């Protein structure tokens, strides 16, 4: 996948294999996250993050490239992109 601001490489079926991406921005004008993790139910993870008072850096959103995601800061200050493909 090459969107101009992010380039992702995957072997085989991209839904079931490890991927690596290189980005110059985070998409939608956001900062490049320190890492991304795909989850089965991003809305449930978002609700749990809110309930626990975790610092949400980018509110949950449906992005034009086919993911639903949000950013949160982990306890070590790393910016984490939590997402699910739509």
C-alpha atoms as a PDB file:
ATOM      1  CA  UNK A   1       0.000   0.000   0.000  1.00  0.00           C
ATOM      2  CA  UNK A   2       1.369   3.408  -0.955  1.00  0.00           C
ATOM      3  CA  UNK A   3      -0.712   6.456  -0.005  1.00  0.00           C
ATOM      4  CA  UNK A   4       2.094   8.936  -0.581  1.00  0.00           C
ATOM      5  CA  UNK A   5       2.578   9.617   3.127  1.00  0.00           C
ATOM      6  CA  UNK A   6       2.711   5.959   4.232  1.00  0.00           C
ATOM      7  CA  UNK A   7       4.167   2.903   2.551  1.00  0.00           C
ATOM      8  CA  UNK A   8       3.180  -0.518   3.925  1.00  0.00           C
ATOM      9  CA  UNK A   9       4.734  -3.861   3.094  1.00  0.00           C
ATOM     10  CA  UNK A  10       3.137  -7.245   3.873  1.00  0.00           C
ATOM     11  CA  UNK A  11       3.724 -10.814   2.754  1.00  0.00           C
ATOM     12  CA  UNK A  12       0.793 -12.834   1.471  1.00  0.00           C
ATOM     13  CA  UNK A  13      -2.666 -12.022   2.818  1.00  0.00           C
ATOM     14  CA  UNK A  14      -2.195  -8.580   4.423  1.00  0.00           C
ATOM     15  CA  UNK A  15      -5.012  -9.287   6.902  1.00  0.00           C
ATOM     16  CA  UNK A  16      -3.170 -12.168   8.536  1.00  0.00           C
ATOM     17  CA  UNK A  17       0.552 -11.520   8.245  1.00  0.00           C
ATOM     18  CA  UNK A  18       2.944  -9.091   9.864  1.00  0.00           C
ATOM     19  CA  UNK A  19       3.208  -5.723   8.187  1.00  0.00           C
ATOM     20  CA  UNK A  20       5.717  -2.913   8.357  1.00  0.00           C
ATOM     21  CA  UNK A  21       4.971   0.682   7.430  1.00  0.00           C
ATOM     22  CA  UNK A  22       7.095   3.759   6.898  1.00  0.00           C
ATOM     23  CA  UNK A  23       5.324   7.110   7.288  1.00  0.00           C
ATOM     24  CA  UNK A  24       6.134  10.797   7.001  1.00  0.00           C
ATOM     25  CA  UNK A  25       2.874  11.777   8.745  1.00  0.00           C
ATOM     26  CA  UNK A  26       0.169   9.981  10.677  1.00  0.00           C
ATOM     27  CA  UNK A  27      -2.618  10.648   8.173  1.00  0.00           C
ATOM     28  CA  UNK A  28      -5.404  13.210   8.474  1.00  0.00           C
ATOM     29  CA  UNK A  29      -2.767  15.731   9.584  1.00  0.00           C
ATOM     30  CA  UNK A  30      -1.753  13.761  12.669  1.00  0.00           C
ATOM     31  CA  UNK A  31       1.674  13.065  14.109  1.00  0.00           C
ATOM     32  CA  UNK A  32       3.407   9.823  13.121  1.00  0.00           C
ATOM     33  CA  UNK A  33       2.657   7.369  15.953  1.00  0.00           C
ATOM     34  CA  UNK A  34       5.433   5.435  17.664  1.00  0.00           C
ATOM     35  CA  UNK A  35       3.649   2.221  16.740  1.00  0.00           C
ATOM     36  CA  UNK A  36       0.292   0.892  15.572  1.00  0.00           C
ATOM     37  CA  UNK A  37      -1.714  -2.105  16.665  1.00  0.00           C
ATOM     38  CA  UNK A  38      -4.746  -3.590  14.950  1.00  0.00           C
ATOM     39  CA  UNK A  39      -7.531  -4.924  17.168  1.00  0.00           C
ATOM     40  CA  UNK A  40     -10.745  -6.809  16.494  1.00  0.00           C
ATOM     41  CA  UNK A  41     -13.067  -4.243  18.132  1.00  0.00           C
ATOM     42  CA  UNK A  42     -11.587  -0.736  18.137  1.00  0.00           C
ATOM     43  CA  UNK A  43     -14.754   0.768  19.644  1.00  0.00           C
ATOM     44  CA  UNK A  44     -14.540  -1.531  22.689  1.00  0.00           C
ATOM     45  CA  UNK A  45     -10.848  -0.688  23.171  1.00  0.00           C
ATOM     46  CA  UNK A  46     -11.655   3.032  22.830  1.00  0.00           C
ATOM     47  CA  UNK A  47     -14.399   2.764  25.490  1.00  0.00           C
ATOM     48  CA  UNK A  48     -12.013   0.970  27.863  1.00  0.00           C
ATOM     49  CA  UNK A  49      -9.335   3.612  27.289  1.00  0.00           C
ATOM     50  CA  UNK A  50     -11.842   6.377  28.122  1.00  0.00           C
ATOM     51  CA  UNK A  51     -13.077   4.497  31.218  1.00  0.00           C
ATOM     52  CA  UNK A  52      -9.499   4.175  32.477  1.00  0.00           C
ATOM     53  CA  UNK A  53      -8.794   7.861  31.890  1.00  0.00           C
ATOM     54  CA  UNK A  54      -6.013   7.242  29.370  1.00  0.00           C
ATOM     55  CA  UNK A  55      -4.893  10.350  27.458  1.00  0.00           C
ATOM     56  CA  UNK A  56      -6.595  10.227  24.050  1.00  0.00           C
ATOM     57  CA  UNK A  57      -4.460  12.218  21.598  1.00  0.00           C
ATOM     58  CA  UNK A  58      -6.699  11.729  18.529  1.00  0.00           C
ATOM     59  CA  UNK A  59     -10.367  10.911  18.923  1.00  0.00           C
ATOM     60  CA  UNK A  60     -11.825   7.841  17.260  1.00  0.00           C
ATOM     61  CA  UNK A  61     -12.448   8.419  13.560  1.00  0.00           C
ATOM     62  CA  UNK A  62     -13.248   6.610  10.327  1.00  0.00           C
ATOM     63  CA  UNK A  63     -10.402   7.425   7.953  1.00  0.00           C
ATOM     64  CA  UNK A  64     -10.723   7.657   4.168  1.00  0.00           C
ATOM     65  CA  UNK A  65      -8.176   4.853   3.631  1.00  0.00           C
ATOM     66  CA  UNK A  66     -10.445   2.274   5.295  1.00  0.00           C
ATOM     67  CA  UNK A  67      -9.545   2.171   8.975  1.00  0.00           C
ATOM     68  CA  UNK A  68     -11.272   3.249  12.178  1.00  0.00           C
ATOM     69  CA  UNK A  69      -8.708   4.407  14.726  1.00  0.00           C
ATOM     70  CA  UNK A  70      -7.659   6.568  17.644  1.00  0.00           C
ATOM     71  CA  UNK A  71      -4.384   7.597  19.272  1.00  0.00           C
ATOM     72  CA  UNK A  72      -3.577   7.126  22.942  1.00  0.00           C
ATOM     73  CA  UNK A  73      -0.444   7.759  25.033  1.00  0.00           C
ATOM     74  CA  UNK A  74       0.918   4.723  26.809  1.00  0.00           C
ATOM     75  CA  UNK A  75       2.372   4.976  30.356  1.00  0.00           C
ATOM     76  CA  UNK A  76       5.849   5.567  28.879  1.00  0.00           C
ATOM     77  CA  UNK A  77       4.686   8.506  26.737  1.00  0.00           C
ATOM     78  CA  UNK A  78       4.662   6.616  23.431  1.00  0.00           C
ATOM     79  CA  UNK A  79       1.977   7.551  20.903  1.00  0.00           C
ATOM     80  CA  UNK A  80      -0.039   4.447  20.004  1.00  0.00           C
ATOM     81  CA  UNK A  81      -2.330   4.202  16.972  1.00  0.00           C
ATOM     82  CA  UNK A  82      -5.072   1.654  17.744  1.00  0.00           C
ATOM     83  CA  UNK A  83      -7.053   0.653  14.668  1.00  0.00           C
ATOM     84  CA  UNK A  84      -9.342  -1.772  12.915  1.00  0.00           C
ATOM     85  CA  UNK A  85      -9.988  -2.071   9.204  1.00  0.00           C
ATOM     86  CA  UNK A  86     -13.520  -1.076   8.257  1.00  0.00           C
END
